[in-house]
Amino acid sequence: MNKIMTLIIASITLLIASTFTSSPVYADAVSDAIKFCNKYERETGVRCGQQRCPCGRSTKEVERWDRGGLRFSICACVSKADLKAAANAEPEIQCRRDSDCDDGVFCNGKEMCRSGQCQQGTSPCKGVKCYEREKMCEKTCEDKDGDGFEAIHCGGNDCDDNNPNRFPGNKEVCDSKGIDEDCDATTVGDLDADGDGFISASCR
């Protein structure tokens, strides 16, 4: 009988000790919940409070601090009514004209005002480097005719950047107009219809 009483007393003592030693942890959880709710209210305008879990019928749990064992959890609970009102609220008017959204940065593009909300711009320098200080894009060599060869005036080797049929390596065609298809003035085409080994005089 004495052994049983001893075990009961030891269990009660352990339970009491566990309760008291959990107090600092509980205090930390409450402090964290209060800080969380203060920040949540500032950012959303929705009422938030800390309490022993679970939250009530009119509130919704948004954060929980579980402490395990016999220690009860602390919950951050927010007002369901406030959440519904915030979801149905009209967005705050940010702008009335494009200039209201302009951040003065060239490389991220021009911001625009649409339906009272600022929309981000797109970079004016697609595929090339952007220089913010000079407010300009890196210049690249031109290929106006799209034949894959850049114009001579900017360091390329396309002798006619307005004609996609004239570029280095293209097959030279015998013609009377002297069109230089391969951008090589030493070639004129090789028309020899009669097979006598001489290129036709019409090729020039």
N, C-alpha and C. Protein backbone atom coordinates (compact mmCIF):
# COMPACT_ATOMS: atom_id res chain seq x y z
N MET A 1 0.83 -1.20 0.00
CA MET A 1 0.00 0.00 0.00
C MET A 1 0.86 1.25 0.00
N ASN A 2 1.93 1.19 0.83
CA ASN A 2 2.84 2.34 0.90
C ASN A 2 3.50 2.60 -0.45
N LYS A 3 3.82 1.54 -1.18
CA LYS A 3 4.45 1.69 -2.50
C LYS A 3 3.50 2.38 -3.47
N ILE A 4 2.23 2.02 -3.40
CA ILE A 4 1.24 2.63 -4.29
C ILE A 4 1.12 4.11 -4.00
N MET A 5 1.03 4.45 -2.68
CA MET A 5 0.93 5.87 -2.30
C MET A 5 2.16 6.63 -2.75
N THR A 6 3.31 6.02 -2.63
CA THR A 6 4.56 6.66 -3.04
C THR A 6 4.55 6.97 -4.53
N LEU A 7 4.06 6.02 -5.34
CA LEU A 7 3.99 6.21 -6.79
C LEU A 7 3.01 7.33 -7.15
N ILE A 8 1.87 7.38 -6.43
CA ILE A 8 0.87 8.42 -6.69
C ILE A 8 1.44 9.79 -6.38
N ILE A 9 2.10 9.90 -5.23
CA ILE A 9 2.69 11.19 -4.81
C ILE A 9 3.76 11.62 -5.80
N ALA A 10 4.58 10.68 -6.28
CA ALA A 10 5.64 11.00 -7.23
C ALA A 10 5.06 11.49 -8.55
N SER A 11 3.95 10.87 -8.97
CA SER A 11 3.31 11.27 -10.23
C SER A 11 2.74 12.68 -10.12
N ILE A 12 2.09 12.95 -8.95
CA ILE A 12 1.53 14.30 -8.75
C ILE A 12 2.63 15.33 -8.72
N THR A 13 3.71 15.02 -8.04
CA THR A 13 4.86 15.94 -7.96
C THR A 13 5.43 16.23 -9.34
N LEU A 14 5.55 15.19 -10.16
CA LEU A 14 6.07 15.35 -11.53
C LEU A 14 5.15 16.21 -12.37
N LEU A 15 3.83 16.02 -12.20
CA LEU A 15 2.86 16.81 -12.96
C LEU A 15 2.94 18.28 -12.58
N ILE A 16 3.05 18.55 -11.26
CA ILE A 16 3.15 19.94 -10.79
C ILE A 16 4.42 20.59 -11.29
N ALA A 17 5.52 19.84 -11.23
CA ALA A 17 6.81 20.37 -11.70
C ALA A 17 6.75 20.67 -13.18
N SER A 18 6.09 19.79 -13.94
CA SER A 18 5.98 20.00 -15.39
C SER A 18 5.17 21.25 -15.69
N THR A 19 4.13 21.49 -14.91
CA THR A 19 3.28 22.66 -15.13
C THR A 19 4.05 23.95 -14.88
N PHE A 20 4.81 23.99 -13.79
CA PHE A 20 5.56 25.20 -13.46
C PHE A 20 6.71 25.45 -14.41
N THR A 21 7.39 24.38 -14.81
CA THR A 21 8.53 24.57 -15.72
C THR A 21 8.07 24.97 -17.11
N SER A 22 6.79 24.75 -17.45
CA SER A 22 6.30 25.13 -18.77
C SER A 22 5.95 26.62 -18.86
N SER A 23 5.88 27.30 -17.73
CA SER A 23 5.46 28.70 -17.71
C SER A 23 6.30 29.61 -18.59
N PRO A 24 7.66 29.53 -18.55
CA PRO A 24 8.46 30.40 -19.42
C PRO A 24 8.18 30.14 -20.89
N VAL A 25 7.98 28.86 -21.27
CA VAL A 25 7.69 28.52 -22.65
C VAL A 25 6.35 29.10 -23.06
N TYR A 26 5.37 29.00 -22.13
CA TYR A 26 4.05 29.57 -22.40
C TYR A 26 4.15 31.08 -22.61
N ALA A 27 4.92 31.73 -21.77
CA ALA A 27 5.09 33.19 -21.88
C ALA A 27 5.69 33.55 -23.23
N ASP A 28 6.66 32.77 -23.69
CA ASP A 28 7.28 33.03 -24.98
C ASP A 28 6.26 32.86 -26.11
N ALA A 29 5.42 31.84 -26.03
CA ALA A 29 4.42 31.60 -27.06
C ALA A 29 3.42 32.74 -27.13
N VAL A 30 2.99 33.23 -25.97
CA VAL A 30 2.05 34.34 -25.92
C VAL A 30 2.69 35.60 -26.51
N SER A 31 3.93 35.83 -26.15
CA SER A 31 4.65 37.00 -26.67
C SER A 31 4.78 36.94 -28.18
N ASP A 32 5.11 35.76 -28.69
CA ASP A 32 5.23 35.59 -30.15
C ASP A 32 3.89 35.81 -30.83
N ALA A 33 2.81 35.32 -30.21
CA ALA A 33 1.48 35.47 -30.79
C ALA A 33 1.06 36.94 -30.81
N ILE A 34 1.37 37.67 -29.73
CA ILE A 34 1.02 39.10 -29.68
C ILE A 34 1.77 39.87 -30.76
N LYS A 35 3.05 39.59 -30.92
CA LYS A 35 3.85 40.26 -31.96
C LYS A 35 3.31 39.94 -33.35
N PHE A 36 2.97 38.67 -33.56
CA PHE A 36 2.43 38.24 -34.85
C PHE A 36 1.14 38.99 -35.15
N CYS A 37 0.22 39.05 -34.17
CA CYS A 37 -1.07 39.70 -34.39
C CYS A 37 -0.93 41.20 -34.63
N ASN A 38 -0.03 41.84 -33.91
CA ASN A 38 0.19 43.28 -34.12
C ASN A 38 0.64 43.56 -35.56
N LYS A 39 1.57 42.74 -36.04
CA LYS A 39 2.06 42.90 -37.41
C LYS A 39 0.97 42.58 -38.42
N TYR A 40 0.20 41.53 -38.16
CA TYR A 40 -0.89 41.12 -39.07
C TYR A 40 -1.92 42.22 -39.21
N GLU A 41 -2.30 42.85 -38.09
CA GLU A 41 -3.29 43.92 -38.13
C GLU A 41 -2.77 45.14 -38.88
N ARG A 42 -1.49 45.47 -38.69
CA ARG A 42 -0.90 46.62 -39.40
C ARG A 42 -0.91 46.40 -40.90
N GLU A 43 -0.61 45.18 -41.34
CA GLU A 43 -0.46 44.90 -42.76
C GLU A 43 -1.79 44.65 -43.47
N THR A 44 -2.79 44.13 -42.76
CA THR A 44 -4.04 43.75 -43.41
C THR A 44 -5.26 44.55 -42.95
N GLY A 45 -5.17 45.14 -41.76
CA GLY A 45 -6.34 45.84 -41.20
C GLY A 45 -7.35 44.89 -40.61
N VAL A 46 -7.04 43.61 -40.54
CA VAL A 46 -7.94 42.58 -39.99
C VAL A 46 -7.61 42.33 -38.53
N ARG A 47 -8.64 42.33 -37.67
CA ARG A 47 -8.42 42.13 -36.24
C ARG A 47 -7.85 40.75 -35.96
N CYS A 48 -6.87 40.72 -35.05
CA CYS A 48 -6.19 39.47 -34.71
C CYS A 48 -5.95 39.44 -33.20
N GLY A 49 -6.16 38.28 -32.60
CA GLY A 49 -5.92 38.13 -31.17
C GLY A 49 -5.32 36.78 -30.86
N GLN A 50 -4.63 36.69 -29.73
CA GLN A 50 -4.01 35.41 -29.33
C GLN A 50 -4.85 34.78 -28.23
N GLN A 51 -4.96 33.44 -28.27
CA GLN A 51 -5.72 32.73 -27.26
C GLN A 51 -5.31 31.26 -27.26
N ARG A 52 -5.77 30.57 -26.25
CA ARG A 52 -5.55 29.13 -26.19
C ARG A 52 -6.34 28.48 -27.32
N CYS A 53 -5.70 27.58 -28.06
CA CYS A 53 -6.36 26.91 -29.17
C CYS A 53 -7.50 26.00 -28.67
N PRO A 54 -8.59 25.84 -29.45
CA PRO A 54 -8.78 26.35 -30.81
C PRO A 54 -9.41 27.75 -30.83
N CYS A 55 -9.47 28.35 -32.02
CA CYS A 55 -10.11 29.64 -32.17
C CYS A 55 -11.63 29.48 -32.04
N GLY A 56 -12.32 30.59 -31.81
CA GLY A 56 -13.77 30.55 -31.66
C GLY A 56 -14.49 30.48 -33.00
N ARG A 57 -15.82 30.45 -32.95
CA ARG A 57 -16.62 30.33 -34.17
C ARG A 57 -16.51 31.54 -35.08
N SER A 58 -16.34 32.72 -34.49
CA SER A 58 -16.31 33.95 -35.28
C SER A 58 -14.90 34.31 -35.75
N THR A 59 -13.94 33.46 -35.41
CA THR A 59 -12.54 33.74 -35.79
C THR A 59 -11.94 32.56 -36.54
N LYS A 60 -10.83 32.83 -37.18
CA LYS A 60 -10.14 31.80 -37.97
C LYS A 60 -8.68 31.73 -37.54
N GLU A 61 -8.17 30.51 -37.41
CA GLU A 61 -6.76 30.33 -37.03
C GLU A 61 -5.85 30.64 -38.22
N VAL A 62 -4.84 31.49 -37.97
CA VAL A 62 -3.88 31.80 -39.03
C VAL A 62 -2.45 31.40 -38.65
N GLU A 63 -2.25 31.14 -37.35
CA GLU A 63 -0.93 30.71 -36.91
C GLU A 63 -1.08 29.98 -35.58
N ARG A 64 -0.20 29.01 -35.34
CA ARG A 64 -0.29 28.20 -34.11
C ARG A 64 1.11 27.94 -33.57
N TRP A 65 1.21 27.94 -32.26
CA TRP A 65 2.47 27.61 -31.60
C TRP A 65 2.25 26.36 -30.76
N ASP A 66 2.63 25.20 -31.29
CA ASP A 66 2.48 23.93 -30.58
C ASP A 66 3.67 23.72 -29.64
N ARG A 67 3.34 23.32 -28.40
CA ARG A 67 4.41 23.16 -27.42
C ARG A 67 4.55 21.72 -26.94
N GLY A 68 3.68 20.83 -27.41
CA GLY A 68 3.84 19.41 -27.13
C GLY A 68 3.48 19.01 -25.70
N GLY A 69 3.43 17.70 -25.47
CA GLY A 69 3.16 17.18 -24.13
C GLY A 69 1.81 17.61 -23.60
N LEU A 70 1.79 17.98 -22.30
CA LEU A 70 0.56 18.41 -21.66
C LEU A 70 0.32 19.90 -21.82
N ARG A 71 1.21 20.57 -22.49
CA ARG A 71 1.10 22.02 -22.66
C ARG A 71 0.14 22.33 -23.81
N PHE A 72 -0.80 23.21 -23.58
CA PHE A 72 -1.76 23.55 -24.62
C PHE A 72 -1.14 24.53 -25.62
N SER A 73 -1.67 24.53 -26.83
CA SER A 73 -1.13 25.37 -27.91
C SER A 73 -1.73 26.77 -27.84
N ILE A 74 -0.99 27.73 -28.40
CA ILE A 74 -1.43 29.11 -28.50
C ILE A 74 -1.75 29.40 -29.97
N CYS A 75 -2.90 30.02 -30.21
CA CYS A 75 -3.32 30.32 -31.58
C CYS A 75 -3.45 31.83 -31.81
N ALA A 76 -3.13 32.24 -33.02
CA ALA A 76 -3.43 33.60 -33.47
C ALA A 76 -4.72 33.49 -34.27
N CYS A 77 -5.78 34.17 -33.79
CA CYS A 77 -7.10 34.05 -34.39
C CYS A 77 -7.53 35.40 -34.97
N VAL A 78 -8.05 35.38 -36.19
CA VAL A 78 -8.46 36.62 -36.84
C VAL A 78 -9.96 36.62 -37.09
N SER A 79 -10.51 37.80 -37.17
CA SER A 79 -11.95 37.97 -37.35
C SER A 79 -12.40 37.52 -38.75
N LYS A 80 -13.36 36.60 -38.78
CA LYS A 80 -13.89 36.14 -40.06
C LYS A 80 -14.64 37.27 -40.79
N ALA A 81 -15.32 38.11 -40.02
CA ALA A 81 -16.06 39.23 -40.62
C ALA A 81 -15.10 40.21 -41.28
N ASP A 82 -13.99 40.50 -40.58
CA ASP A 82 -12.99 41.41 -41.16
C ASP A 82 -12.36 40.82 -42.41
N LEU A 83 -12.11 39.51 -42.38
CA LEU A 83 -11.53 38.86 -43.55
C LEU A 83 -12.46 38.96 -44.75
N LYS A 84 -13.75 38.76 -44.53
CA LYS A 84 -14.73 38.83 -45.62
C LYS A 84 -14.83 40.25 -46.15
N ALA A 85 -14.82 41.22 -45.25
CA ALA A 85 -14.90 42.62 -45.68
C ALA A 85 -13.67 43.03 -46.49
N ALA A 86 -12.51 42.55 -46.06
CA ALA A 86 -11.27 42.87 -46.77
C ALA A 86 -11.27 42.25 -48.16
N ALA A 87 -11.83 41.05 -48.28
CA ALA A 87 -11.84 40.36 -49.57
C ALA A 87 -12.78 41.06 -50.55
N ASN A 88 -13.85 41.68 -50.04
CA ASN A 88 -14.83 42.33 -50.90
C ASN A 88 -14.53 43.81 -51.13
N ALA A 89 -13.54 44.33 -50.43
CA ALA A 89 -13.24 45.76 -50.52
C ALA A 89 -12.63 46.11 -51.88
N GLU A 90 -12.95 47.27 -52.37
CA GLU A 90 -12.36 47.75 -53.61
C GLU A 90 -10.88 48.03 -53.39
N PRO A 91 -10.03 47.69 -54.37
CA PRO A 91 -8.60 47.97 -54.19
C PRO A 91 -8.34 49.47 -54.09
N GLU A 92 -7.37 49.83 -53.29
CA GLU A 92 -7.03 51.24 -53.10
C GLU A 92 -6.56 51.85 -54.42
N ILE A 93 -7.03 53.05 -54.73
CA ILE A 93 -6.62 53.73 -55.95
C ILE A 93 -5.15 54.14 -55.82
N GLN A 94 -4.32 53.63 -56.71
CA GLN A 94 -2.89 53.91 -56.66
C GLN A 94 -2.49 55.06 -57.58
N CYS A 95 -3.27 55.27 -58.66
CA CYS A 95 -2.84 56.25 -59.65
C CYS A 95 -4.03 56.75 -60.45
N ARG A 96 -3.80 57.86 -61.13
CA ARG A 96 -4.79 58.41 -62.05
C ARG A 96 -4.21 58.63 -63.44
N ARG A 97 -2.89 58.64 -63.51
CA ARG A 97 -2.20 58.83 -64.79
C ARG A 97 -0.88 58.05 -64.75
N ASP A 98 -0.30 57.82 -65.92
CA ASP A 98 0.94 57.03 -65.99
C ASP A 98 2.06 57.65 -65.16
N SER A 99 2.11 58.97 -65.12
CA SER A 99 3.19 59.64 -64.39
C SER A 99 3.15 59.34 -62.90
N ASP A 100 1.97 58.97 -62.37
CA ASP A 100 1.87 58.62 -60.95
C ASP A 100 2.61 57.34 -60.63
N CYS A 101 2.84 56.52 -61.63
CA CYS A 101 3.48 55.21 -61.43
C CYS A 101 4.96 55.21 -61.79
N ASP A 102 5.43 56.25 -62.43
CA ASP A 102 6.80 56.30 -62.93
C ASP A 102 7.80 56.28 -61.78
N ASP A 103 8.70 55.27 -61.79
CA ASP A 103 9.72 55.19 -60.74
C ASP A 103 11.04 55.81 -61.17
N GLY A 104 11.08 56.36 -62.38
CA GLY A 104 12.28 57.04 -62.85
C GLY A 104 13.40 56.11 -63.28
N VAL A 105 13.14 54.82 -63.34
CA VAL A 105 14.17 53.85 -63.75
C VAL A 105 13.96 53.49 -65.22
N PHE A 106 14.98 53.67 -66.04
CA PHE A 106 14.87 53.43 -67.48
C PHE A 106 14.82 51.94 -67.80
N CYS A 107 15.72 51.18 -67.18
CA CYS A 107 15.92 49.79 -67.58
C CYS A 107 14.78 48.84 -67.23
N ASN A 108 13.86 49.22 -66.34
CA ASN A 108 12.74 48.32 -66.06
C ASN A 108 11.49 48.71 -66.85
N GLY A 109 11.63 49.64 -67.75
CA GLY A 109 10.52 50.00 -68.63
C GLY A 109 9.61 51.06 -68.05
N LYS A 110 8.66 51.49 -68.84
CA LYS A 110 7.74 52.55 -68.44
C LYS A 110 6.51 51.95 -67.75
N GLU A 111 6.28 52.37 -66.51
CA GLU A 111 5.11 51.90 -65.78
C GLU A 111 3.85 52.61 -66.31
N MET A 112 2.72 51.91 -66.21
CA MET A 112 1.47 52.47 -66.72
C MET A 112 0.37 52.38 -65.67
N CYS A 113 -0.58 53.30 -65.74
CA CYS A 113 -1.73 53.31 -64.84
C CYS A 113 -2.92 52.72 -65.58
N ARG A 114 -3.47 51.63 -65.04
CA ARG A 114 -4.62 50.98 -65.65
C ARG A 114 -5.68 50.71 -64.57
N SER A 115 -6.84 51.28 -64.74
CA SER A 115 -7.95 51.10 -63.80
C SER A 115 -7.55 51.44 -62.37
N GLY A 116 -6.75 52.49 -62.24
CA GLY A 116 -6.36 52.96 -60.92
C GLY A 116 -5.23 52.19 -60.28
N GLN A 117 -4.67 51.20 -60.98
CA GLN A 117 -3.58 50.39 -60.43
C GLN A 117 -2.34 50.52 -61.30
N CYS A 118 -1.19 50.60 -60.67
CA CYS A 118 0.07 50.71 -61.40
C CYS A 118 0.51 49.35 -61.93
N GLN A 119 0.87 49.31 -63.19
CA GLN A 119 1.37 48.09 -63.80
C GLN A 119 2.83 48.26 -64.15
N GLN A 120 3.60 47.21 -63.91
CA GLN A 120 5.03 47.26 -64.19
C GLN A 120 5.28 47.36 -65.69
N GLY A 121 6.37 48.02 -66.02
CA GLY A 121 6.75 48.13 -67.42
C GLY A 121 7.60 46.94 -67.85
N THR A 122 7.95 46.90 -69.12
CA THR A 122 8.83 45.85 -69.63
C THR A 122 10.13 46.50 -70.11
N SER A 123 11.21 45.78 -69.99
CA SER A 123 12.51 46.33 -70.34
C SER A 123 12.56 46.78 -71.80
N PRO A 124 13.10 47.95 -72.06
CA PRO A 124 13.20 48.42 -73.44
C PRO A 124 14.36 47.76 -74.19
N CYS A 125 15.17 47.00 -73.48
CA CYS A 125 16.37 46.41 -74.08
C CYS A 125 16.27 44.89 -74.09
N LYS A 126 15.35 44.37 -74.86
CA LYS A 126 15.16 42.92 -74.91
C LYS A 126 16.34 42.24 -75.58
N GLY A 127 16.96 41.33 -74.84
CA GLY A 127 18.05 40.54 -75.39
C GLY A 127 19.41 41.22 -75.40
N VAL A 128 19.46 42.48 -75.01
CA VAL A 128 20.75 43.19 -74.97
C VAL A 128 20.91 43.88 -73.63
N LYS A 129 22.12 44.29 -73.34
CA LYS A 129 22.41 44.93 -72.06
C LYS A 129 21.82 46.32 -71.99
N CYS A 130 21.34 46.68 -70.79
CA CYS A 130 20.75 48.00 -70.57
C CYS A 130 21.68 48.83 -69.69
N TYR A 131 21.89 50.07 -70.06
CA TYR A 131 22.74 50.98 -69.29
C TYR A 131 21.86 52.04 -68.65
N GLU A 132 21.69 51.92 -67.32
CA GLU A 132 20.80 52.83 -66.60
C GLU A 132 21.33 54.25 -66.58
N ARG A 133 22.64 54.40 -66.34
CA ARG A 133 23.21 55.74 -66.23
C ARG A 133 23.05 56.52 -67.53
N GLU A 134 23.29 55.86 -68.66
CA GLU A 134 23.16 56.52 -69.97
C GLU A 134 21.73 56.48 -70.49
N LYS A 135 20.89 55.64 -69.81
CA LYS A 135 19.50 55.44 -70.24
C LYS A 135 19.45 55.04 -71.71
N MET A 136 20.17 53.97 -72.03
CA MET A 136 20.20 53.48 -73.39
C MET A 136 20.48 51.98 -73.40
N CYS A 137 20.17 51.35 -74.54
CA CYS A 137 20.41 49.92 -74.70
C CYS A 137 21.72 49.71 -75.46
N GLU A 138 22.33 48.56 -75.23
CA GLU A 138 23.55 48.21 -75.95
C GLU A 138 23.24 48.12 -77.44
N LYS A 139 24.05 48.76 -78.24
CA LYS A 139 23.82 48.75 -79.68
C LYS A 139 24.33 47.45 -80.28
N THR A 140 23.56 46.89 -81.18
CA THR A 140 23.97 45.67 -81.86
C THR A 140 24.03 45.92 -83.36
N CYS A 141 24.78 45.11 -84.04
CA CYS A 141 24.92 45.25 -85.48
C CYS A 141 23.60 44.86 -86.16
N GLU A 142 23.30 45.51 -87.26
CA GLU A 142 22.02 45.29 -87.94
C GLU A 142 22.05 44.09 -88.89
N ASP A 143 20.91 43.50 -89.08
CA ASP A 143 20.67 42.49 -90.11
C ASP A 143 19.26 42.73 -90.61
N LYS A 144 19.11 43.82 -91.37
CA LYS A 144 17.78 44.26 -91.80
C LYS A 144 17.06 43.23 -92.66
N ASP A 145 17.81 42.56 -93.55
CA ASP A 145 17.13 41.64 -94.47
C ASP A 145 16.94 40.24 -93.88
N GLY A 146 17.45 40.00 -92.69
CA GLY A 146 17.22 38.73 -92.01
C GLY A 146 17.87 37.53 -92.64
N ASP A 147 18.99 37.73 -93.37
CA ASP A 147 19.65 36.58 -94.01
C ASP A 147 20.72 35.96 -93.12
N GLY A 148 20.84 36.47 -91.90
CA GLY A 148 21.81 35.89 -90.97
C GLY A 148 23.17 36.54 -91.01
N PHE A 149 23.34 37.56 -91.85
CA PHE A 149 24.62 38.25 -91.96
C PHE A 149 24.43 39.74 -91.66
N GLU A 150 25.34 40.28 -90.86
CA GLU A 150 25.22 41.67 -90.43
C GLU A 150 25.80 42.63 -91.46
N ALA A 151 25.28 43.85 -91.42
CA ALA A 151 25.68 44.87 -92.40
C ALA A 151 27.15 45.25 -92.27
N ILE A 152 27.75 45.61 -93.39
CA ILE A 152 29.17 45.97 -93.42
C ILE A 152 29.45 47.22 -92.60
N HIS A 153 28.52 48.18 -92.62
CA HIS A 153 28.79 49.46 -91.95
C HIS A 153 28.93 49.33 -90.44
N CYS A 154 28.49 48.20 -89.87
CA CYS A 154 28.67 48.03 -88.42
C CYS A 154 29.57 46.84 -88.10
N GLY A 155 30.40 46.47 -89.05
CA GLY A 155 31.38 45.43 -88.80
C GLY A 155 31.04 44.07 -89.35
N GLY A 156 29.88 43.95 -90.03
CA GLY A 156 29.51 42.67 -90.61
C GLY A 156 30.09 42.48 -92.00
N ASN A 157 29.60 41.48 -92.74
CA ASN A 157 30.14 41.21 -94.07
C ASN A 157 29.05 41.01 -95.12
N ASP A 158 27.84 41.54 -94.84
CA ASP A 158 26.76 41.48 -95.82
C ASP A 158 26.87 42.69 -96.75
N CYS A 159 27.16 42.44 -98.03
CA CYS A 159 27.38 43.54 -98.97
C CYS A 159 26.10 44.28 -99.34
N ASP A 160 24.93 43.69 -99.04
CA ASP A 160 23.66 44.36 -99.31
C ASP A 160 22.67 43.91 -98.25
N ASP A 161 22.54 44.70 -97.19
CA ASP A 161 21.69 44.30 -96.07
C ASP A 161 20.22 44.60 -96.32
N ASN A 162 19.88 44.99 -97.54
CA ASN A 162 18.48 45.20 -97.92
C ASN A 162 17.97 44.11 -98.84
N ASN A 163 18.87 43.15 -99.18
CA ASN A 163 18.50 42.08 -100.10
C ASN A 163 18.86 40.73 -99.47
N PRO A 164 17.88 39.93 -99.09
CA PRO A 164 18.16 38.64 -98.43
C PRO A 164 18.80 37.61 -99.35
N ASN A 165 18.87 37.92 -100.67
CA ASN A 165 19.48 36.99 -101.62
C ASN A 165 20.93 37.32 -101.90
N ARG A 166 21.48 38.27 -101.19
CA ARG A 166 22.89 38.62 -101.35
C ARG A 166 23.58 38.53 -99.99
N PHE A 167 24.47 37.55 -99.87
CA PHE A 167 25.21 37.37 -98.62
C PHE A 167 26.40 36.44 -98.90
N PRO A 168 27.44 36.51 -98.08
CA PRO A 168 28.64 35.69 -98.29
C PRO A 168 28.31 34.20 -98.29
N GLY A 169 28.81 33.48 -99.28
CA GLY A 169 28.59 32.04 -99.36
C GLY A 169 27.40 31.64 -100.18
N ASN A 170 26.59 32.62 -100.60
CA ASN A 170 25.43 32.28 -101.42
C ASN A 170 25.91 31.85 -102.81
N LYS A 171 25.13 31.04 -103.51
CA LYS A 171 25.53 30.58 -104.84
C LYS A 171 25.48 31.75 -105.83
N GLU A 172 26.60 31.96 -106.52
CA GLU A 172 26.66 33.02 -107.52
C GLU A 172 25.92 32.56 -108.78
N VAL A 173 25.06 33.42 -109.31
CA VAL A 173 24.26 33.10 -110.48
C VAL A 173 24.73 33.94 -111.67
N CYS A 174 24.88 33.29 -112.81
CA CYS A 174 25.27 34.01 -114.02
C CYS A 174 24.12 34.90 -114.46
N ASP A 175 24.39 36.19 -114.57
CA ASP A 175 23.33 37.11 -114.99
C ASP A 175 23.95 38.30 -115.72
N SER A 176 23.14 38.95 -116.52
CA SER A 176 23.62 40.07 -117.32
C SER A 176 23.65 41.38 -116.53
N LYS A 177 22.98 41.40 -115.37
CA LYS A 177 22.92 42.63 -114.59
C LYS A 177 24.10 42.76 -113.61
N GLY A 178 24.85 41.71 -113.48
CA GLY A 178 26.02 41.76 -112.61
C GLY A 178 25.68 41.77 -111.13
N ILE A 179 24.58 41.13 -110.76
CA ILE A 179 24.21 41.06 -109.35
C ILE A 179 25.18 40.13 -108.62
N ASP A 180 25.74 40.61 -107.53
CA ASP A 180 26.75 39.85 -106.79
C ASP A 180 26.09 39.08 -105.66
N GLU A 181 25.63 37.86 -105.95
CA GLU A 181 24.89 37.09 -104.95
C GLU A 181 25.73 36.67 -103.76
N ASP A 182 27.03 36.40 -103.97
CA ASP A 182 27.85 35.87 -102.88
C ASP A 182 28.76 36.91 -102.24
N CYS A 183 28.54 38.19 -102.57
CA CYS A 183 29.35 39.29 -102.01
C CYS A 183 30.84 39.11 -102.30
N ASP A 184 31.12 38.52 -103.43
CA ASP A 184 32.51 38.34 -103.87
C ASP A 184 32.60 38.82 -105.31
N ALA A 185 33.24 39.97 -105.51
CA ALA A 185 33.31 40.60 -106.83
C ALA A 185 34.13 39.81 -107.84
N THR A 186 34.91 38.83 -107.40
CA THR A 186 35.76 38.05 -108.32
C THR A 186 34.99 36.89 -108.96
N THR A 187 33.78 36.63 -108.51
CA THR A 187 32.99 35.53 -109.09
C THR A 187 31.81 36.09 -109.88
N VAL A 188 31.49 35.43 -111.00
CA VAL A 188 30.40 35.92 -111.85
C VAL A 188 29.40 34.82 -112.21
N GLY A 189 29.56 33.64 -111.70
CA GLY A 189 28.72 32.51 -112.08
C GLY A 189 29.46 31.66 -113.11
N ASP A 190 28.97 30.49 -113.38
CA ASP A 190 29.70 29.56 -114.25
C ASP A 190 28.84 28.96 -115.36
N LEU A 191 28.04 29.79 -116.01
CA LEU A 191 27.20 29.29 -117.10
C LEU A 191 28.05 28.96 -118.33
N ASP A 192 28.03 27.70 -118.73
CA ASP A 192 28.74 27.25 -119.93
C ASP A 192 27.81 26.28 -120.66
N ALA A 193 26.80 26.86 -121.29
CA ALA A 193 25.73 26.07 -121.91
C ALA A 193 26.24 25.13 -123.00
N ASP A 194 27.26 25.57 -123.79
CA ASP A 194 27.71 24.73 -124.91
C ASP A 194 28.83 23.79 -124.50
N GLY A 195 29.31 23.90 -123.25
CA GLY A 195 30.33 22.98 -122.76
C GLY A 195 31.68 23.12 -123.42
N ASP A 196 31.99 24.34 -123.90
CA ASP A 196 33.28 24.52 -124.56
C ASP A 196 34.37 24.96 -123.58
N GLY A 197 34.04 25.01 -122.29
CA GLY A 197 35.03 25.37 -121.29
C GLY A 197 35.13 26.85 -121.01
N PHE A 198 34.30 27.63 -121.67
CA PHE A 198 34.33 29.08 -121.45
C PHE A 198 32.98 29.53 -120.90
N ILE A 199 33.07 30.39 -119.89
CA ILE A 199 31.86 30.94 -119.28
C ILE A 199 31.21 31.91 -120.23
N SER A 200 29.90 31.89 -120.27
CA SER A 200 29.14 32.74 -121.17
C SER A 200 29.48 34.23 -120.96
N ALA A 201 29.55 34.95 -122.05
CA ALA A 201 29.86 36.38 -122.00
C ALA A 201 28.74 37.18 -121.31
N SER A 202 27.58 36.57 -121.20
CA SER A 202 26.46 37.26 -120.55
C SER A 202 26.65 37.35 -119.03
N CYS A 203 27.60 36.54 -118.53
CA CYS A 203 27.89 36.56 -117.10
C CYS A 203 28.86 37.69 -116.81
N ARG A 204 28.52 38.58 -115.95
CA ARG A 204 29.46 39.66 -115.62
C ARG A 204 29.23 40.13 -114.18
